[in-house]
Amino acid sequence: MEKIFNFEDRLVRFAGESIFFTRELSKLFENEYYKNQLIRSSGSASLNFGEAQGTITDKDFIFKVSLVVKELKESRNSLKILDYIKEGNSEKRNKLLIEVEQLIAISSKMILNKK
């Protein structure tokens, strides 16, 4: 994946790449469950960051970015489960796992910087 330095753009790309990844999963019940979870949580992280950018107070910003971290951790968990059961393209899955770790670290640092 090409380096993107804008955090919002990285979140959008992560949500999009998560969708592309899930499109290739087999139609097993358990895959459908984690596919839906990953799509919702990755998209929610991006949407919540968009809301965070419109906040007025630091407290509101911290709350919204905390939701971003929560959703990213949920995305990471879904990816780890899919990794454990060896579902999906392993190269794409590993890239998503690396990216989600970086996104969690960046958003957590944003929170610390506002406190």
PDB file of N, CA and C in Angstrom:
ATOM      1  N   MET A   1       0.838  -1.186   0.000  1.00  0.00           N
ATOM      2  CA  MET A   1       0.000   0.000   0.000  1.00  0.00           C
ATOM      3  C   MET A   1       0.881   1.247   0.000  1.00  0.00           C
ATOM      4  N   GLU A   2       0.481   2.197  -0.785  1.00  0.00           N
ATOM      5  CA  GLU A   2       1.185   3.472  -0.873  1.00  0.00           C
ATOM      6  C   GLU A   2       1.011   4.245   0.434  1.00  0.00           C
ATOM      7  N   LYS A   3       2.054   4.967   0.840  1.00  0.00           N
ATOM      8  CA  LYS A   3       2.001   5.744   2.084  1.00  0.00           C
ATOM      9  C   LYS A   3       1.054   6.923   1.923  1.00  0.00           C
ATOM     10  N   ILE A   4       0.151   7.056   2.896  1.00  0.00           N
ATOM     11  CA  ILE A   4      -0.745   8.205   2.972  1.00  0.00           C
ATOM     12  C   ILE A   4      -0.477   8.861   4.322  1.00  0.00           C
ATOM     13  N   PHE A   5      -0.282  10.173   4.326  1.00  0.00           N
ATOM     14  CA  PHE A   5       0.074  10.862   5.561  1.00  0.00           C
ATOM     15  C   PHE A   5      -1.120  11.545   6.226  1.00  0.00           C
ATOM     16  N   ASN A   6      -2.221  11.702   5.524  1.00  0.00           N
ATOM     17  CA  ASN A   6      -3.426  12.281   6.099  1.00  0.00           C
ATOM     18  C   ASN A   6      -4.186  11.177   6.841  1.00  0.00           C
ATOM     19  N   PHE A   7      -4.423  11.380   8.136  1.00  0.00           N
ATOM     20  CA  PHE A   7      -5.021  10.332   8.961  1.00  0.00           C
ATOM     21  C   PHE A   7      -6.425   9.948   8.478  1.00  0.00           C
ATOM     22  N   GLU A   8      -7.220  10.935   8.144  1.00  0.00           N
ATOM     23  CA  GLU A   8      -8.571  10.654   7.659  1.00  0.00           C
ATOM     24  C   GLU A   8      -8.519   9.793   6.397  1.00  0.00           C
ATOM     25  N   ASP A   9      -7.623  10.138   5.487  1.00  0.00           N
ATOM     26  CA  ASP A   9      -7.485   9.365   4.253  1.00  0.00           C
ATOM     27  C   ASP A   9      -7.045   7.928   4.544  1.00  0.00           C
ATOM     28  N   ARG A  10      -6.186   7.762   5.555  1.00  0.00           N
ATOM     29  CA  ARG A  10      -5.755   6.407   5.933  1.00  0.00           C
ATOM     30  C   ARG A  10      -6.931   5.601   6.486  1.00  0.00           C
ATOM     31  N   LEU A  11      -7.775   6.252   7.268  1.00  0.00           N
ATOM     32  CA  LEU A  11      -8.956   5.553   7.803  1.00  0.00           C
ATOM     33  C   LEU A  11      -9.908   5.151   6.683  1.00  0.00           C
ATOM     34  N   VAL A  12     -10.097   6.046   5.736  1.00  0.00           N
ATOM     35  CA  VAL A  12     -10.960   5.737   4.586  1.00  0.00           C
ATOM     36  C   VAL A  12     -10.382   4.566   3.800  1.00  0.00           C
ATOM     37  N   ARG A  13      -9.075   4.616   3.553  1.00  0.00           N
ATOM     38  CA  ARG A  13      -8.434   3.521   2.816  1.00  0.00           C
ATOM     39  C   ARG A  13      -8.547   2.210   3.593  1.00  0.00           C
ATOM     40  N   PHE A  14      -8.345   2.256   4.910  1.00  0.00           N
ATOM     41  CA  PHE A  14      -8.453   1.042   5.720  1.00  0.00           C
ATOM     42  C   PHE A  14      -9.855   0.443   5.604  1.00  0.00           C
ATOM     43  N   ALA A  15     -10.877   1.273   5.690  1.00  0.00           N
ATOM     44  CA  ALA A  15     -12.250   0.781   5.553  1.00  0.00           C
ATOM     45  C   ALA A  15     -12.473   0.193   4.161  1.00  0.00           C
ATOM     46  N   GLY A  16     -11.988   0.868   3.138  1.00  0.00           N
ATOM     47  CA  GLY A  16     -12.135   0.373   1.764  1.00  0.00           C
ATOM     48  C   GLY A  16     -11.387  -0.923   1.530  1.00  0.00           C
ATOM     49  N   GLU A  17     -10.145  -0.985   2.007  1.00  0.00           N
ATOM     50  CA  GLU A  17      -9.356  -2.213   1.840  1.00  0.00           C
ATOM     51  C   GLU A  17      -9.968  -3.372   2.631  1.00  0.00           C
ATOM     52  N   SER A  18     -10.594  -3.064   3.756  1.00  0.00           N
ATOM     53  CA  SER A  18     -11.286  -4.104   4.522  1.00  0.00           C
ATOM     54  C   SER A  18     -12.445  -4.678   3.717  1.00  0.00           C
ATOM     55  N   ILE A  19     -13.155  -3.803   3.022  1.00  0.00           N
ATOM     56  CA  ILE A  19     -14.260  -4.265   2.164  1.00  0.00           C
ATOM     57  C   ILE A  19     -13.716  -5.139   1.038  1.00  0.00           C
ATOM     58  N   PHE A  20     -12.656  -4.671   0.376  1.00  0.00           N
ATOM     59  CA  PHE A  20     -12.064  -5.478  -0.704  1.00  0.00           C
ATOM     60  C   PHE A  20     -11.634  -6.846  -0.180  1.00  0.00           C
ATOM     61  N   PHE A  21     -11.026  -6.868   1.006  1.00  0.00           N
ATOM     62  CA  PHE A  21     -10.578  -8.120   1.615  1.00  0.00           C
ATOM     63  C   PHE A  21     -11.759  -9.057   1.869  1.00  0.00           C
ATOM     64  N   THR A  22     -12.839  -8.522   2.414  1.00  0.00           N
ATOM     65  CA  THR A  22     -13.979  -9.382   2.771  1.00  0.00           C
ATOM     66  C   THR A  22     -14.718  -9.916   1.541  1.00  0.00           C
ATOM     67  N   ARG A  23     -14.641  -9.209   0.438  1.00  0.00           N
ATOM     68  CA  ARG A  23     -15.303  -9.676  -0.786  1.00  0.00           C
ATOM     69  C   ARG A  23     -14.746 -11.011  -1.266  1.00  0.00           C
ATOM     70  N   GLU A  24     -13.518 -11.320  -0.864  1.00  0.00           N
ATOM     71  CA  GLU A  24     -12.870 -12.552  -1.318  1.00  0.00           C
ATOM     72  C   GLU A  24     -13.074 -13.729  -0.361  1.00  0.00           C
ATOM     73  N   LEU A  25     -13.729 -13.488   0.772  1.00  0.00           N
ATOM     74  CA  LEU A  25     -13.935 -14.579   1.738  1.00  0.00           C
ATOM     75  C   LEU A  25     -15.013 -15.534   1.244  1.00  0.00           C
ATOM     76  N   SER A  26     -14.848 -16.801   1.579  1.00  0.00           N
ATOM     77  CA  SER A  26     -15.874 -17.776   1.221  1.00  0.00           C
ATOM     78  C   SER A  26     -17.151 -17.481   1.999  1.00  0.00           C
ATOM     79  N   LYS A  27     -18.256 -18.021   1.554  1.00  0.00           N
ATOM     80  CA  LYS A  27     -19.568 -17.679   2.103  1.00  0.00           C
ATOM     81  C   LYS A  27     -19.972 -18.516   3.320  1.00  0.00           C
ATOM     82  N   LEU A  28     -19.006 -19.007   4.066  1.00  0.00           N
ATOM     83  CA  LEU A  28     -19.309 -19.758   5.284  1.00  0.00           C
ATOM     84  C   LEU A  28     -19.959 -18.843   6.312  1.00  0.00           C
ATOM     85  N   PHE A  29     -20.806 -19.412   7.182  1.00  0.00           N
ATOM     86  CA  PHE A  29     -21.513 -18.631   8.204  1.00  0.00           C
ATOM     87  C   PHE A  29     -20.556 -17.792   9.035  1.00  0.00           C
ATOM     88  N   GLU A  30     -19.493 -18.415   9.530  1.00  0.00           N
ATOM     89  CA  GLU A  30     -18.569 -17.693  10.408  1.00  0.00           C
ATOM     90  C   GLU A  30     -17.842 -16.572   9.674  1.00  0.00           C
ATOM     91  N   ASN A  31     -17.555 -16.769   8.406  1.00  0.00           N
ATOM     92  CA  ASN A  31     -16.913 -15.710   7.618  1.00  0.00           C
ATOM     93  C   ASN A  31     -17.863 -14.529   7.437  1.00  0.00           C
ATOM     94  N   GLU A  32     -19.128 -14.822   7.194  1.00  0.00           N
ATOM     95  CA  GLU A  32     -20.123 -13.763   7.037  1.00  0.00           C
ATOM     96  C   GLU A  32     -20.206 -12.919   8.305  1.00  0.00           C
ATOM     97  N   TYR A  33     -20.153 -13.573   9.440  1.00  0.00           N
ATOM     98  CA  TYR A  33     -20.231 -12.872  10.729  1.00  0.00           C
ATOM     99  C   TYR A  33     -19.056 -11.908  10.880  1.00  0.00           C
ATOM    100  N   TYR A  34     -17.829 -12.398  10.707  1.00  0.00           N
ATOM    101  CA  TYR A  34     -16.653 -11.549  10.886  1.00  0.00           C
ATOM    102  C   TYR A  34     -16.487 -10.546   9.753  1.00  0.00           C
ATOM    103  N   LYS A  35     -16.955 -10.906   8.566  1.00  0.00           N
ATOM    104  CA  LYS A  35     -16.954  -9.970   7.453  1.00  0.00           C
ATOM    105  C   LYS A  35     -17.818  -8.760   7.796  1.00  0.00           C
ATOM    106  N   ASN A  36     -19.033  -9.017   8.279  1.00  0.00           N
ATOM    107  CA  ASN A  36     -19.934  -7.926   8.640  1.00  0.00           C
ATOM    108  C   ASN A  36     -19.365  -7.084   9.778  1.00  0.00           C
ATOM    109  N   GLN A  37     -18.766  -7.744  10.760  1.00  0.00           N
ATOM    110  CA  GLN A  37     -18.168  -7.018  11.882  1.00  0.00           C
ATOM    111  C   GLN A  37     -17.045  -6.110  11.393  1.00  0.00           C
ATOM    112  N   LEU A  38     -16.177  -6.634  10.542  1.00  0.00           N
ATOM    113  CA  LEU A  38     -15.036  -5.876  10.038  1.00  0.00           C
ATOM    114  C   LEU A  38     -15.493  -4.680   9.202  1.00  0.00           C
ATOM    115  N   ILE A  39     -16.469  -4.886   8.355  1.00  0.00           N
ATOM    116  CA  ILE A  39     -16.978  -3.792   7.526  1.00  0.00           C
ATOM    117  C   ILE A  39     -17.571  -2.695   8.402  1.00  0.00           C
ATOM    118  N   ARG A  40     -18.376  -3.083   9.391  1.00  0.00           N
ATOM    119  CA  ARG A  40     -19.003  -2.091  10.269  1.00  0.00           C
ATOM    120  C   ARG A  40     -17.969  -1.333  11.108  1.00  0.00           C
ATOM    121  N   SER A  41     -17.060  -2.062  11.736  1.00  0.00           N
ATOM    122  CA  SER A  41     -16.121  -1.403  12.653  1.00  0.00           C
ATOM    123  C   SER A  41     -15.099  -0.543  11.906  1.00  0.00           C
ATOM    124  N   SER A  42     -14.604  -1.010  10.774  1.00  0.00           N
ATOM    125  CA  SER A  42     -13.629  -0.203  10.025  1.00  0.00           C
ATOM    126  C   SER A  42     -14.287   1.064   9.477  1.00  0.00           C
ATOM    127  N   GLY A  43     -15.496   0.931   8.978  1.00  0.00           N
ATOM    128  CA  GLY A  43     -16.228   2.102   8.484  1.00  0.00           C
ATOM    129  C   GLY A  43     -16.595   3.063   9.597  1.00  0.00           C
ATOM    130  N   SER A  44     -16.967   2.519  10.735  1.00  0.00           N
ATOM    131  CA  SER A  44     -17.330   3.348  11.878  1.00  0.00           C
ATOM    132  C   SER A  44     -16.137   4.151  12.384  1.00  0.00           C
ATOM    133  N   ALA A  45     -14.944   3.566  12.361  1.00  0.00           N
ATOM    134  CA  ALA A  45     -13.744   4.296  12.776  1.00  0.00           C
ATOM    135  C   ALA A  45     -13.563   5.535  11.902  1.00  0.00           C
ATOM    136  N   SER A  46     -13.712   5.371  10.610  1.00  0.00           N
ATOM    137  CA  SER A  46     -13.564   6.486   9.685  1.00  0.00           C
ATOM    138  C   SER A  46     -14.646   7.542   9.917  1.00  0.00           C
ATOM    139  N   LEU A  47     -15.881   7.115  10.075  1.00  0.00           N
ATOM    140  CA  LEU A  47     -16.988   8.050  10.271  1.00  0.00           C
ATOM    141  C   LEU A  47     -16.859   8.803  11.590  1.00  0.00           C
ATOM    142  N   ASN A  48     -16.449   8.116  12.648  1.00  0.00           N
ATOM    143  CA  ASN A  48     -16.285   8.787  13.936  1.00  0.00           C
ATOM    144  C   ASN A  48     -15.156   9.810  13.896  1.00  0.00           C
ATOM    145  N   PHE A  49     -14.108   9.535  13.141  1.00  0.00           N
ATOM    146  CA  PHE A  49     -13.044  10.527  13.030  1.00  0.00           C
ATOM    147  C   PHE A  49     -13.551  11.758  12.293  1.00  0.00           C
ATOM    148  N   GLY A  50     -14.387  11.557  11.293  1.00  0.00           N
ATOM    149  CA  GLY A  50     -14.995  12.702  10.613  1.00  0.00           C
ATOM    150  C   GLY A  50     -15.784  13.564  11.583  1.00  0.00           C
ATOM    151  N   GLU A  51     -16.521  12.921  12.489  1.00  0.00           N
ATOM    152  CA  GLU A  51     -17.261  13.659  13.510  1.00  0.00           C
ATOM    153  C   GLU A  51     -16.310  14.350  14.481  1.00  0.00           C
ATOM    154  N   ALA A  52     -15.212  13.707  14.825  1.00  0.00           N
ATOM    155  CA  ALA A  52     -14.248  14.294  15.769  1.00  0.00           C
ATOM    156  C   ALA A  52     -13.690  15.608  15.232  1.00  0.00           C
ATOM    157  N   GLN A  53     -13.532  15.694  13.931  1.00  0.00           N
ATOM    158  CA  GLN A  53     -12.973  16.903  13.336  1.00  0.00           C
ATOM    159  C   GLN A  53     -13.915  18.100  13.467  1.00  0.00           C
ATOM    160  N   GLY A  54     -15.191  17.827  13.716  1.00  0.00           N
ATOM    161  CA  GLY A  54     -16.154  18.918  13.856  1.00  0.00           C
ATOM    162  C   GLY A  54     -16.465  19.282  15.299  1.00  0.00           C
ATOM    163  N   THR A  55     -15.743  18.707  16.237  1.00  0.00           N
ATOM    164  CA  THR A  55     -16.027  18.989  17.645  1.00  0.00           C
ATOM    165  C   THR A  55     -15.488  20.356  18.046  1.00  0.00           C
ATOM    166  N   ILE A  56     -16.096  20.904  19.099  1.00  0.00           N
ATOM    167  CA  ILE A  56     -15.725  22.231  19.567  1.00  0.00           C
ATOM    168  C   ILE A  56     -14.758  22.151  20.748  1.00  0.00           C
ATOM    169  N   THR A  57     -14.990  21.216  21.640  1.00  0.00           N
ATOM    170  CA  THR A  57     -14.153  21.125  22.840  1.00  0.00           C
ATOM    171  C   THR A  57     -13.183  19.957  22.750  1.00  0.00           C
ATOM    172  N   ASP A  58     -12.104  20.053  23.519  1.00  0.00           N
ATOM    173  CA  ASP A  58     -11.144  18.951  23.594  1.00  0.00           C
ATOM    174  C   ASP A  58     -11.813  17.694  24.158  1.00  0.00           C
ATOM    175  N   LYS A  59     -12.720  17.883  25.117  1.00  0.00           N
ATOM    176  CA  LYS A  59     -13.423  16.740  25.722  1.00  0.00           C
ATOM    177  C   LYS A  59     -14.229  15.986  24.657  1.00  0.00           C
ATOM    178  N   ASP A  60     -14.932  16.705  23.811  1.00  0.00           N
ATOM    179  CA  ASP A  60     -15.704  16.071  22.730  1.00  0.00           C
ATOM    180  C   ASP A  60     -14.776  15.365  21.735  1.00  0.00           C
ATOM    181  N   PHE A  61     -13.652  16.021  21.408  1.00  0.00           N
ATOM    182  CA  PHE A  61     -12.682  15.422  20.490  1.00  0.00           C
ATOM    183  C   PHE A  61     -12.153  14.111  21.063  1.00  0.00           C
ATOM    184  N   ILE A  62     -11.769  14.141  22.330  1.00  0.00           N
ATOM    185  CA  ILE A  62     -11.239  12.942  22.988  1.00  0.00           C
ATOM    186  C   ILE A  62     -12.278  11.826  22.974  1.00  0.00           C
ATOM    187  N   PHE A  63     -13.537  12.172  23.249  1.00  0.00           N
ATOM    188  CA  PHE A  63     -14.598  11.161  23.239  1.00  0.00           C
ATOM    189  C   PHE A  63     -14.737  10.524  21.858  1.00  0.00           C
ATOM    190  N   LYS A  64     -14.796  11.339  20.817  1.00  0.00           N
ATOM    191  CA  LYS A  64     -14.980  10.807  19.458  1.00  0.00           C
ATOM    192  C   LYS A  64     -13.773   9.983  19.011  1.00  0.00           C
ATOM    193  N   VAL A  65     -12.569  10.453  19.310  1.00  0.00           N
ATOM    194  CA  VAL A  65     -11.381   9.696  18.905  1.00  0.00           C
ATOM    195  C   VAL A  65     -11.270   8.414  19.736  1.00  0.00           C
ATOM    196  N   SER A  66     -11.781   8.436  20.964  1.00  0.00           N
ATOM    197  CA  SER A  66     -11.841   7.200  21.759  1.00  0.00           C
ATOM    198  C   SER A  66     -12.728   6.163  21.076  1.00  0.00           C
ATOM    199  N   LEU A  67     -13.795   6.628  20.449  1.00  0.00           N
ATOM    200  CA  LEU A  67     -14.656   5.714  19.683  1.00  0.00           C
ATOM    201  C   LEU A  67     -13.908   5.168  18.469  1.00  0.00           C
ATOM    202  N   VAL A  68     -13.076   5.990  17.859  1.00  0.00           N
ATOM    203  CA  VAL A  68     -12.251   5.538  16.731  1.00  0.00           C
ATOM    204  C   VAL A  68     -11.344   4.396  17.194  1.00  0.00           C
ATOM    205  N   VAL A  69     -10.685   4.592  18.342  1.00  0.00           N
ATOM    206  CA  VAL A  69      -9.791   3.558  18.880  1.00  0.00           C
ATOM    207  C   VAL A  69     -10.576   2.280  19.158  1.00  0.00           C
ATOM    208  N   LYS A  70     -11.742   2.415  19.771  1.00  0.00           N
ATOM    209  CA  LYS A  70     -12.583   1.248  20.086  1.00  0.00           C
ATOM    210  C   LYS A  70     -12.934   0.471  18.811  1.00  0.00           C
ATOM    211  N   GLU A  71     -13.345   1.177  17.774  1.00  0.00           N
ATOM    212  CA  GLU A  71     -13.730   0.524  16.518  1.00  0.00           C
ATOM    213  C   GLU A  71     -12.533  -0.097  15.817  1.00  0.00           C
ATOM    214  N   LEU A  72     -11.385   0.565  15.888  1.00  0.00           N
ATOM    215  CA  LEU A  72     -10.171  -0.006  15.287  1.00  0.00           C
ATOM    216  C   LEU A  72      -9.760  -1.285  16.012  1.00  0.00           C
ATOM    217  N   LYS A  73      -9.892  -1.293  17.341  1.00  0.00           N
ATOM    218  CA  LYS A  73      -9.555  -2.503  18.102  1.00  0.00           C
ATOM    219  C   LYS A  73     -10.522  -3.634  17.770  1.00  0.00           C
ATOM    220  N   GLU A  74     -11.776  -3.297  17.526  1.00  0.00           N
ATOM    221  CA  GLU A  74     -12.736  -4.316  17.102  1.00  0.00           C
ATOM    222  C   GLU A  74     -12.363  -4.857  15.718  1.00  0.00           C
ATOM    223  N   SER A  75     -11.943  -3.967  14.831  1.00  0.00           N
ATOM    224  CA  SER A  75     -11.492  -4.394  13.500  1.00  0.00           C
ATOM    225  C   SER A  75     -10.289  -5.314  13.627  1.00  0.00           C
ATOM    226  N   ARG A  76      -9.353  -4.926  14.479  1.00  0.00           N
ATOM    227  CA  ARG A  76      -8.157  -5.747  14.694  1.00  0.00           C
ATOM    228  C   ARG A  76      -8.537  -7.135  15.191  1.00  0.00           C
ATOM    229  N   ASN A  77      -9.481  -7.200  16.107  1.00  0.00           N
ATOM    230  CA  ASN A  77      -9.904  -8.486  16.652  1.00  0.00           C
ATOM    231  C   ASN A  77     -10.523  -9.374  15.575  1.00  0.00           C
ATOM    232  N   SER A  78     -11.371  -8.795  14.740  1.00  0.00           N
ATOM    233  CA  SER A  78     -11.969  -9.569  13.646  1.00  0.00           C
ATOM    234  C   SER A  78     -10.887 -10.091  12.712  1.00  0.00           C
ATOM    235  N   LEU A  79      -9.921  -9.232  12.384  1.00  0.00           N
ATOM    236  CA  LEU A  79      -8.822  -9.652  11.515  1.00  0.00           C
ATOM    237  C   LEU A  79      -7.985 -10.748  12.163  1.00  0.00           C
ATOM    238  N   LYS A  80      -7.755 -10.648  13.462  1.00  0.00           N
ATOM    239  CA  LYS A  80      -6.977 -11.678  14.160  1.00  0.00           C
ATOM    240  C   LYS A  80      -7.697 -13.016  14.155  1.00  0.00           C
ATOM    241  N   ILE A  81      -9.010 -12.985  14.312  1.00  0.00           N
ATOM    242  CA  ILE A  81      -9.781 -14.231  14.274  1.00  0.00           C
ATOM    243  C   ILE A  81      -9.704 -14.834  12.877  1.00  0.00           C
ATOM    244  N   LEU A  82      -9.888 -14.001  11.848  1.00  0.00           N
ATOM    245  CA  LEU A  82      -9.780 -14.497  10.472  1.00  0.00           C
ATOM    246  C   LEU A  82      -8.371 -15.003  10.189  1.00  0.00           C
ATOM    247  N   ASP A  83      -7.372 -14.370  10.787  1.00  0.00           N
ATOM    248  CA  ASP A  83      -5.994 -14.827  10.645  1.00  0.00           C
ATOM    249  C   ASP A  83      -5.819 -16.190  11.322  1.00  0.00           C
ATOM    250  N   TYR A  84      -6.387 -16.330  12.495  1.00  0.00           N
ATOM    251  CA  TYR A  84      -6.257 -17.584  13.246  1.00  0.00           C
ATOM    252  C   TYR A  84      -6.863 -18.762  12.478  1.00  0.00           C
ATOM    253  N   ILE A  85      -8.001 -18.524  11.825  1.00  0.00           N
ATOM    254  CA  ILE A  85      -8.649 -19.614  11.083  1.00  0.00           C
ATOM    255  C   ILE A  85      -8.182 -19.659   9.621  1.00  0.00           C
ATOM    256  N   LYS A  86      -7.196 -18.813   9.297  1.00  0.00           N
ATOM    257  CA  LYS A  86      -6.559 -18.798   7.971  1.00  0.00           C
ATOM    258  C   LYS A  86      -7.555 -18.520   6.850  1.00  0.00           C
ATOM    259  N   GLU A  87      -8.432 -17.523   7.074  1.00  0.00           N
ATOM    260  CA  GLU A  87      -9.411 -17.151   6.046  1.00  0.00           C
ATOM    261  C   GLU A  87      -8.967 -15.900   5.310  1.00  0.00           C
ATOM    262  N   GLY A  88      -9.176 -15.894   4.027  1.00  0.00           N
ATOM    263  CA  GLY A  88      -8.841 -14.747   3.200  1.00  0.00           C
ATOM    264  C   GLY A  88      -7.388 -14.774   2.758  1.00  0.00           C
ATOM    265  N   ASN A  89      -7.056 -13.851   1.895  1.00  0.00           N
ATOM    266  CA  ASN A  89      -5.707 -13.721   1.357  1.00  0.00           C
ATOM    267  C   ASN A  89      -4.762 -13.306   2.481  1.00  0.00           C
ATOM    268  N   SER A  90      -3.765 -14.151   2.769  1.00  0.00           N
ATOM    269  CA  SER A  90      -2.891 -13.909   3.921  1.00  0.00           C
ATOM    270  C   SER A  90      -2.078 -12.622   3.769  1.00  0.00           C
ATOM    271  N   GLU A  91      -1.646 -12.290   2.572  1.00  0.00           N
ATOM    272  CA  GLU A  91      -0.868 -11.059   2.373  1.00  0.00           C
ATOM    273  C   GLU A  91      -1.727  -9.824   2.658  1.00  0.00           C
ATOM    274  N   LYS A  92      -2.939  -9.821   2.130  1.00  0.00           N
ATOM    275  CA  LYS A  92      -3.844  -8.690   2.372  1.00  0.00           C
ATOM    276  C   LYS A  92      -4.223  -8.602   3.852  1.00  0.00           C
ATOM    277  N   ARG A  93      -4.482  -9.734   4.458  1.00  0.00           N
ATOM    278  CA  ARG A  93      -4.852  -9.789   5.877  1.00  0.00           C
ATOM    279  C   ARG A  93      -3.718  -9.220   6.737  1.00  0.00           C
ATOM    280  N   ASN A  94      -2.481  -9.626   6.441  1.00  0.00           N
ATOM    281  CA  ASN A  94      -1.338  -9.137   7.204  1.00  0.00           C
ATOM    282  C   ASN A  94      -1.129  -7.636   7.021  1.00  0.00           C
ATOM    283  N   LYS A  95      -1.322  -7.135   5.812  1.00  0.00           N
ATOM    284  CA  LYS A  95      -1.213  -5.695   5.575  1.00  0.00           C
ATOM    285  C   LYS A  95      -2.267  -4.929   6.370  1.00  0.00           C
ATOM    286  N   LEU A  96      -3.478  -5.481   6.418  1.00  0.00           N
ATOM    287  CA  LEU A  96      -4.539  -4.837   7.200  1.00  0.00           C
ATOM    288  C   LEU A  96      -4.215  -4.863   8.688  1.00  0.00           C
ATOM    289  N   LEU A  97      -3.650  -5.965   9.153  1.00  0.00           N
ATOM    290  CA  LEU A  97      -3.274  -6.056  10.573  1.00  0.00           C
ATOM    291  C   LEU A  97      -2.177  -5.043  10.926  1.00  0.00           C
ATOM    292  N   ILE A  98      -1.219  -4.873  10.051  1.00  0.00           N
ATOM    293  CA  ILE A  98      -0.164  -3.881  10.288  1.00  0.00           C
ATOM    294  C   ILE A  98      -0.758  -2.471  10.291  1.00  0.00           C
ATOM    295  N   GLU A  99      -1.599  -2.196   9.320  1.00  0.00           N
ATOM    296  CA  GLU A  99      -2.206  -0.863   9.208  1.00  0.00           C
ATOM    297  C   GLU A  99      -3.082  -0.556  10.412  1.00  0.00           C
ATOM    298  N   VAL A 100      -3.877  -1.511  10.865  1.00  0.00           N
ATOM    299  CA  VAL A 100      -4.767  -1.233  11.995  1.00  0.00           C
ATOM    300  C   VAL A 100      -3.958  -0.957  13.263  1.00  0.00           C
ATOM    301  N   GLU A 101      -2.842  -1.629  13.440  1.00  0.00           N
ATOM    302  CA  GLU A 101      -1.980  -1.356  14.599  1.00  0.00           C
ATOM    303  C   GLU A 101      -1.453   0.077  14.543  1.00  0.00           C
ATOM    304  N   GLN A 102      -1.040   0.509  13.364  1.00  0.00           N
ATOM    305  CA  GLN A 102      -0.536   1.873  13.213  1.00  0.00           C
ATOM    306  C   GLN A 102      -1.639   2.900  13.441  1.00  0.00           C
ATOM    307  N   LEU A 103      -2.832   2.622  12.942  1.00  0.00           N
ATOM    308  CA  LEU A 103      -3.960   3.540  13.127  1.00  0.00           C
ATOM    309  C   LEU A 103      -4.350   3.650  14.600  1.00  0.00           C
ATOM    310  N   ILE A 104      -4.308   2.535  15.317  1.00  0.00           N
ATOM    311  CA  ILE A 104      -4.599   2.553  16.758  1.00  0.00           C
ATOM    312  C   ILE A 104      -3.564   3.407  17.480  1.00  0.00           C
ATOM    313  N   ALA A 105      -2.299   3.231  17.133  1.00  0.00           N
ATOM    314  CA  ALA A 105      -1.227   3.992  17.778  1.00  0.00           C
ATOM    315  C   ALA A 105      -1.376   5.493  17.512  1.00  0.00           C
ATOM    316  N   ILE A 106      -1.680   5.856  16.288  1.00  0.00           N
ATOM    317  CA  ILE A 106      -1.825   7.275  15.932  1.00  0.00           C
ATOM    318  C   ILE A 106      -3.011   7.896  16.659  1.00  0.00           C
ATOM    319  N   SER A 107      -4.160   7.216  16.638  1.00  0.00           N
ATOM    320  CA  SER A 107      -5.345   7.791  17.275  1.00  0.00           C
ATOM    321  C   SER A 107      -5.183   7.841  18.797  1.00  0.00           C
ATOM    322  N   SER A 108      -4.511   6.865  19.381  1.00  0.00           N
ATOM    323  CA  SER A 108      -4.249   6.888  20.821  1.00  0.00           C
ATOM    324  C   SER A 108      -3.346   8.064  21.184  1.00  0.00           C
ATOM    325  N   LYS A 109      -2.371   8.347  20.316  1.00  0.00           N
ATOM    326  CA  LYS A 109      -1.466   9.482  20.544  1.00  0.00           C
ATOM    327  C   LYS A 109      -2.226  10.799  20.436  1.00  0.00           C
ATOM    328  N   MET A 110      -3.202  10.872  19.530  1.00  0.00           N
ATOM    329  CA  MET A 110      -4.031  12.082  19.414  1.00  0.00           C
ATOM    330  C   MET A 110      -4.757  12.366  20.730  1.00  0.00           C
ATOM    331  N   ILE A 111      -5.264  11.311  21.332  1.00  0.00           N
ATOM    332  CA  ILE A 111      -5.966  11.460  22.615  1.00  0.00           C
ATOM    333  C   ILE A 111      -5.009  11.964  23.691  1.00  0.00           C
ATOM    334  N   LEU A 112      -3.840  11.345  23.782  1.00  0.00           N
ATOM    335  CA  LEU A 112      -2.850  11.749  24.782  1.00  0.00           C
ATOM    336  C   LEU A 112      -2.421  13.214  24.584  1.00  0.00           C
ATOM    337  N   ASN A 113      -2.301  13.630  23.343  1.00  0.00           N
ATOM    338  CA  ASN A 113      -1.879  15.000  23.057  1.00  0.00           C
ATOM    339  C   ASN A 113      -2.939  16.037  23.441  1.00  0.00           C
ATOM    340  N   LYS A 114      -4.207  15.632  23.487  1.00  0.00           N
ATOM    341  CA  LYS A 114      -5.293  16.553  23.842  1.00  0.00           C
ATOM    342  C   LYS A 114      -5.515  16.618  25.357  1.00  0.00           C
ATOM    343  N   LYS A 115      -4.946  15.672  26.111  1.00  0.00           N
ATOM    344  CA  LYS A 115      -5.161  15.655  27.569  1.00  0.00           C
ATOM    345  C   LYS A 115      -4.235  16.621  28.259  1.00  0.00           C
TER     346      LYS A 115
END
